[in-house]
């Protein structure tokens, strides 16, 4: 439980230092706030020999958290999405890599 509280505090600190997402480049080793409506958190990436490791840590208002990781080669992307209340549009964010650039952007739901 103590480790969870420390991780949550670190998440809150990093989210407070980061900027909100519209469509922006993500810098290596620097967190950027992501917002999916009822859940939010931060995303960052590290450069590794097999590609860029993208890490996104998200939590809801009750502090339930989850972490996603993916190693992206140039031209690849991942999508994070959150369901919405009936009649609302779900939140959807795409993190994509092209060469040495990683971009985070809100994207429309297609289905």
N, C-alpha and C. Protein backbone atom coordinates (compact mmCIF):
# COMPACT_ATOMS: atom_id res chain seq x y z
N UNK A 1 0.82 -1.19 0.00
CA UNK A 1 0.00 0.00 0.00
C UNK A 1 0.86 1.26 0.00
N UNK A 2 1.98 1.21 0.76
CA UNK A 2 2.87 2.36 0.81
C UNK A 2 3.46 2.65 -0.57
N UNK A 3 3.86 1.59 -1.32
CA UNK A 3 4.40 1.79 -2.66
C UNK A 3 3.36 2.39 -3.59
N UNK A 4 2.10 1.97 -3.44
CA UNK A 4 1.03 2.53 -4.27
C UNK A 4 0.87 4.02 -4.00
N UNK A 5 0.91 4.42 -2.73
CA UNK A 5 0.77 5.83 -2.38
C UNK A 5 1.93 6.65 -2.92
N UNK A 6 3.14 6.10 -2.85
CA UNK A 6 4.31 6.80 -3.39
C UNK A 6 4.18 6.94 -4.91
N UNK A 7 3.75 5.87 -5.59
CA UNK A 7 3.59 5.92 -7.04
C UNK A 7 2.51 6.92 -7.42
N UNK A 8 1.42 6.95 -6.67
CA UNK A 8 0.34 7.89 -6.94
C UNK A 8 0.80 9.32 -6.73
N UNK A 9 1.58 9.56 -5.68
CA UNK A 9 2.11 10.90 -5.43
C UNK A 9 3.03 11.34 -6.56
N UNK A 10 3.87 10.42 -7.05
CA UNK A 10 4.76 10.73 -8.16
C UNK A 10 3.97 11.02 -9.42
N UNK A 11 2.90 10.27 -9.65
CA UNK A 11 2.04 10.51 -10.79
C UNK A 11 1.41 11.89 -10.71
N UNK A 12 0.93 12.25 -9.55
CA UNK A 12 0.33 13.56 -9.37
C UNK A 12 1.32 14.68 -9.59
N UNK A 13 2.55 14.51 -9.09
CA UNK A 13 3.58 15.52 -9.28
C UNK A 13 3.93 15.66 -10.75
N UNK A 14 4.13 14.53 -11.42
CA UNK A 14 4.48 14.58 -12.84
C UNK A 14 3.35 15.17 -13.66
N UNK A 15 2.12 14.83 -13.34
CA UNK A 15 0.98 15.38 -14.07
C UNK A 15 0.87 16.88 -13.84
N UNK A 16 1.18 17.33 -12.66
CA UNK A 16 1.13 18.77 -12.37
C UNK A 16 2.20 19.55 -13.11
N UNK A 17 3.33 18.91 -13.41
CA UNK A 17 4.40 19.58 -14.12
C UNK A 17 4.23 19.53 -15.63
N UNK A 18 3.39 18.65 -16.10
CA UNK A 18 3.23 18.46 -17.54
C UNK A 18 2.13 19.37 -18.09
N UNK A 19 2.08 19.43 -19.41
CA UNK A 19 1.06 20.24 -20.07
C UNK A 19 -0.06 19.34 -20.58
N UNK A 20 -1.21 19.92 -20.87
CA UNK A 20 -2.33 19.12 -21.35
C UNK A 20 -2.18 18.79 -22.83
N UNK A 21 -2.88 17.76 -23.25
CA UNK A 21 -2.73 17.25 -24.61
C UNK A 21 -3.73 17.89 -25.56
N UNK A 22 -3.29 18.33 -26.67
CA UNK A 22 -4.10 18.65 -27.83
C UNK A 22 -3.47 17.84 -28.97
N UNK A 23 -2.40 18.39 -29.54
CA UNK A 23 -1.56 17.67 -30.49
C UNK A 23 -0.18 18.22 -30.26
N UNK A 24 0.67 17.45 -29.63
CA UNK A 24 1.98 17.95 -29.26
C UNK A 24 3.02 16.86 -29.37
N UNK A 25 4.26 17.29 -29.59
CA UNK A 25 5.36 16.35 -29.59
C UNK A 25 5.69 15.97 -28.15
N UNK A 26 6.00 14.72 -27.97
CA UNK A 26 6.39 14.20 -26.67
C UNK A 26 7.90 14.13 -26.65
N UNK A 27 8.54 14.65 -25.63
CA UNK A 27 10.00 14.63 -25.52
C UNK A 27 10.43 13.38 -24.75
N UNK A 28 11.55 12.83 -25.17
CA UNK A 28 12.07 11.63 -24.49
C UNK A 28 12.32 11.92 -23.02
N UNK A 29 11.92 10.98 -22.17
CA UNK A 29 12.15 11.03 -20.72
C UNK A 29 11.41 12.15 -20.00
N UNK A 30 10.46 12.81 -20.66
CA UNK A 30 9.70 13.90 -20.03
C UNK A 30 8.22 13.57 -20.10
N UNK A 31 7.55 13.64 -18.99
CA UNK A 31 6.14 13.31 -18.92
C UNK A 31 5.25 14.39 -19.52
N UNK A 32 4.14 13.95 -20.08
CA UNK A 32 3.13 14.86 -20.62
C UNK A 32 1.77 14.38 -20.14
N UNK A 33 0.97 15.29 -19.67
CA UNK A 33 -0.36 14.95 -19.17
C UNK A 33 -1.24 14.44 -20.30
N UNK A 34 -2.02 13.41 -20.00
CA UNK A 34 -3.03 12.93 -20.93
C UNK A 34 -4.36 12.86 -20.19
N UNK A 35 -5.42 13.18 -20.89
CA UNK A 35 -6.75 13.25 -20.28
C UNK A 35 -7.74 12.49 -21.13
N UNK A 36 -8.35 11.46 -20.52
CA UNK A 36 -9.36 10.66 -21.20
C UNK A 36 -10.71 10.78 -20.51
N UNK A 37 -11.03 11.97 -20.04
CA UNK A 37 -12.32 12.18 -19.39
C UNK A 37 -12.29 11.74 -17.94
N UNK A 38 -12.85 10.56 -17.65
CA UNK A 38 -12.91 10.07 -16.28
C UNK A 38 -11.58 9.53 -15.76
N UNK A 39 -10.62 9.34 -16.64
CA UNK A 39 -9.28 8.92 -16.22
C UNK A 39 -8.26 9.85 -16.85
N UNK A 40 -7.15 10.05 -16.14
CA UNK A 40 -6.09 10.89 -16.65
C UNK A 40 -4.77 10.41 -16.08
N UNK A 41 -3.68 10.95 -16.60
CA UNK A 41 -2.37 10.54 -16.13
C UNK A 41 -1.28 11.17 -16.94
N UNK A 42 -0.17 10.44 -17.10
CA UNK A 42 0.95 10.95 -17.86
C UNK A 42 1.45 9.88 -18.82
N UNK A 43 2.14 10.36 -19.87
CA UNK A 43 2.81 9.48 -20.82
C UNK A 43 4.22 10.01 -21.03
N UNK A 44 5.14 9.08 -21.24
CA UNK A 44 6.52 9.45 -21.58
C UNK A 44 7.11 8.32 -22.39
N UNK A 45 8.28 8.56 -22.97
CA UNK A 45 8.96 7.46 -23.65
C UNK A 45 10.45 7.50 -23.37
N UNK A 46 11.07 6.33 -23.50
CA UNK A 46 12.51 6.20 -23.38
C UNK A 46 13.04 5.57 -24.67
N UNK A 47 14.26 5.92 -25.01
CA UNK A 47 14.88 5.38 -26.21
C UNK A 47 15.61 4.10 -25.84
N UNK A 48 15.27 3.02 -26.54
CA UNK A 48 15.89 1.73 -26.30
C UNK A 48 16.39 1.15 -27.62
N UNK A 49 17.19 0.12 -27.56
CA UNK A 49 17.77 -0.43 -28.79
C UNK A 49 16.71 -1.01 -29.74
N UNK A 50 15.59 -1.51 -29.20
CA UNK A 50 14.54 -2.10 -30.04
C UNK A 50 13.49 -1.10 -30.49
N UNK A 51 13.55 0.13 -30.02
CA UNK A 51 12.56 1.15 -30.39
C UNK A 51 12.35 2.12 -29.25
N UNK A 52 11.28 2.87 -29.32
CA UNK A 52 10.95 3.83 -28.27
C UNK A 52 9.89 3.19 -27.36
N UNK A 53 10.22 3.03 -26.07
CA UNK A 53 9.28 2.45 -25.12
C UNK A 53 8.38 3.57 -24.61
N UNK A 54 7.10 3.51 -24.98
CA UNK A 54 6.10 4.47 -24.53
C UNK A 54 5.42 3.90 -23.30
N UNK A 55 5.33 4.71 -22.26
CA UNK A 55 4.70 4.30 -21.01
C UNK A 55 3.61 5.31 -20.68
N UNK A 56 2.42 4.82 -20.42
CA UNK A 56 1.29 5.68 -20.01
C UNK A 56 0.73 5.12 -18.71
N UNK A 57 0.65 5.98 -17.70
CA UNK A 57 0.07 5.60 -16.42
C UNK A 57 -1.17 6.44 -16.22
N UNK A 58 -2.30 5.77 -16.00
CA UNK A 58 -3.59 6.44 -15.87
C UNK A 58 -4.25 6.08 -14.56
N UNK A 59 -5.04 7.00 -14.01
CA UNK A 59 -5.78 6.73 -12.78
C UNK A 59 -7.15 7.39 -12.87
N UNK A 60 -8.12 6.78 -12.20
CA UNK A 60 -9.45 7.39 -12.13
C UNK A 60 -9.55 8.24 -10.87
N UNK A 61 -10.71 8.80 -10.64
CA UNK A 61 -10.90 9.69 -9.48
C UNK A 61 -10.77 8.98 -8.15
N UNK A 62 -10.93 7.64 -8.15
CA UNK A 62 -10.80 6.84 -6.93
C UNK A 62 -9.37 6.31 -6.74
N UNK A 63 -8.44 6.81 -7.54
CA UNK A 63 -7.02 6.43 -7.48
C UNK A 63 -6.75 5.00 -7.93
N UNK A 64 -7.67 4.40 -8.68
CA UNK A 64 -7.39 3.11 -9.29
C UNK A 64 -6.53 3.38 -10.52
N UNK A 65 -5.38 2.75 -10.59
CA UNK A 65 -4.46 3.09 -11.67
C UNK A 65 -4.11 1.87 -12.51
N UNK A 66 -3.64 2.16 -13.73
CA UNK A 66 -3.19 1.13 -14.65
C UNK A 66 -2.06 1.74 -15.48
N UNK A 67 -1.14 0.87 -15.89
CA UNK A 67 0.01 1.32 -16.66
C UNK A 67 0.07 0.52 -17.96
N UNK A 68 0.31 1.23 -19.07
CA UNK A 68 0.44 0.60 -20.38
C UNK A 68 1.84 0.85 -20.89
N UNK A 69 2.41 -0.14 -21.56
CA UNK A 69 3.73 0.00 -22.17
C UNK A 69 3.69 -0.60 -23.57
N UNK A 70 4.39 0.07 -24.49
CA UNK A 70 4.53 -0.46 -25.85
C UNK A 70 5.84 0.05 -26.42
N UNK A 71 6.53 -0.79 -27.18
CA UNK A 71 7.75 -0.37 -27.86
C UNK A 71 7.37 -0.08 -29.30
N UNK A 72 7.59 1.17 -29.73
CA UNK A 72 7.18 1.60 -31.06
C UNK A 72 8.38 1.75 -31.99
N UNK A 73 8.26 1.19 -33.18
CA UNK A 73 9.20 1.46 -34.27
C UNK A 73 8.64 2.64 -35.05
N UNK A 74 9.45 3.24 -35.90
CA UNK A 74 8.96 4.36 -36.71
C UNK A 74 7.76 3.91 -37.54
N UNK A 75 6.72 4.74 -37.55
CA UNK A 75 5.51 4.44 -38.30
C UNK A 75 4.44 3.72 -37.48
N UNK A 76 4.73 3.38 -36.25
CA UNK A 76 3.76 2.70 -35.40
C UNK A 76 3.09 3.66 -34.43
N UNK A 77 1.92 3.24 -33.91
CA UNK A 77 1.20 4.05 -32.94
C UNK A 77 0.40 3.16 -32.00
N UNK A 78 0.00 3.74 -30.88
CA UNK A 78 -0.92 3.08 -29.95
C UNK A 78 -2.06 4.04 -29.67
N UNK A 79 -3.20 3.49 -29.33
CA UNK A 79 -4.38 4.30 -29.01
C UNK A 79 -4.84 3.96 -27.61
N UNK A 80 -5.10 4.98 -26.81
CA UNK A 80 -5.70 4.84 -25.49
C UNK A 80 -7.07 5.45 -25.57
N UNK A 81 -8.07 4.76 -25.06
CA UNK A 81 -9.42 5.31 -25.13
C UNK A 81 -10.18 4.98 -23.85
N UNK A 82 -11.23 5.76 -23.63
CA UNK A 82 -12.06 5.59 -22.45
C UNK A 82 -13.52 5.64 -22.87
N UNK A 83 -14.34 4.72 -22.39
CA UNK A 83 -15.76 4.76 -22.75
C UNK A 83 -16.43 5.99 -22.17
N UNK A 84 -17.56 6.32 -22.72
CA UNK A 84 -18.31 7.49 -22.26
C UNK A 84 -19.72 7.07 -21.86
N UNK A 85 -20.37 7.96 -21.18
CA UNK A 85 -21.77 7.77 -20.83
C UNK A 85 -22.57 7.73 -22.13
N UNK A 86 -23.61 6.95 -22.17
CA UNK A 86 -24.43 6.84 -23.38
C UNK A 86 -24.79 8.21 -23.92
N UNK A 87 -24.53 8.41 -25.20
CA UNK A 87 -24.83 9.68 -25.84
C UNK A 87 -23.63 10.62 -25.92
N UNK A 88 -22.60 10.39 -25.09
CA UNK A 88 -21.39 11.20 -25.15
C UNK A 88 -20.37 10.52 -26.06
N UNK A 89 -19.42 11.31 -26.53
CA UNK A 89 -18.35 10.78 -27.37
C UNK A 89 -17.22 10.28 -26.48
N UNK A 90 -16.75 9.05 -26.68
CA UNK A 90 -15.63 8.54 -25.88
C UNK A 90 -14.36 9.36 -26.13
N UNK A 91 -13.49 9.40 -25.14
CA UNK A 91 -12.20 10.07 -25.29
C UNK A 91 -11.22 9.09 -25.93
N UNK A 92 -10.36 9.61 -26.82
CA UNK A 92 -9.42 8.75 -27.52
C UNK A 92 -8.15 9.55 -27.80
N UNK A 93 -7.00 8.99 -27.43
CA UNK A 93 -5.71 9.63 -27.65
C UNK A 93 -4.81 8.66 -28.38
N UNK A 94 -4.11 9.17 -29.39
CA UNK A 94 -3.16 8.36 -30.15
C UNK A 94 -1.74 8.87 -29.87
N UNK A 95 -0.85 7.93 -29.59
CA UNK A 95 0.57 8.24 -29.44
C UNK A 95 1.27 7.56 -30.61
N UNK A 96 1.90 8.35 -31.46
CA UNK A 96 2.50 7.81 -32.68
C UNK A 96 3.96 8.22 -32.81
N UNK A 97 4.72 7.34 -33.45
CA UNK A 97 6.14 7.62 -33.68
C UNK A 97 6.41 7.66 -35.17
N UNK A 98 7.09 8.72 -35.62
CA UNK A 98 7.58 8.83 -36.99
C UNK A 98 9.03 9.28 -36.90
N UNK A 99 9.94 8.40 -37.30
CA UNK A 99 11.37 8.63 -37.19
C UNK A 99 11.72 8.94 -35.73
N UNK A 100 12.26 10.12 -35.45
CA UNK A 100 12.65 10.47 -34.08
C UNK A 100 11.60 11.30 -33.36
N UNK A 101 10.42 11.46 -33.94
CA UNK A 101 9.35 12.28 -33.34
C UNK A 101 8.24 11.39 -32.79
N UNK A 102 7.80 11.72 -31.57
CA UNK A 102 6.66 11.05 -30.96
C UNK A 102 5.61 12.11 -30.70
N UNK A 103 4.40 11.88 -31.21
CA UNK A 103 3.32 12.85 -31.10
C UNK A 103 2.17 12.26 -30.31
N UNK A 104 1.57 13.10 -29.47
CA UNK A 104 0.39 12.73 -28.70
C UNK A 104 -0.73 13.63 -29.18
N UNK A 105 -1.86 13.03 -29.57
CA UNK A 105 -2.97 13.86 -30.04
C UNK A 105 -4.31 13.20 -29.77
N UNK A 106 -5.29 14.05 -29.54
CA UNK A 106 -6.67 13.58 -29.44
C UNK A 106 -7.15 13.25 -30.83
N UNK A 107 -7.80 12.11 -30.97
CA UNK A 107 -8.29 11.71 -32.29
C UNK A 107 -9.75 11.32 -32.18
N UNK A 108 -10.52 11.54 -33.23
CA UNK A 108 -11.94 11.18 -33.18
C UNK A 108 -12.15 9.67 -33.14
N UNK A 109 -13.22 9.27 -32.50
CA UNK A 109 -13.59 7.87 -32.46
C UNK A 109 -14.17 7.50 -33.81
N UNK A 110 -13.70 6.37 -34.37
CA UNK A 110 -14.12 5.99 -35.71
C UNK A 110 -15.14 4.87 -35.74
N UNK A 111 -15.49 4.28 -34.60
CA UNK A 111 -16.49 3.21 -34.64
C UNK A 111 -17.52 3.38 -33.56
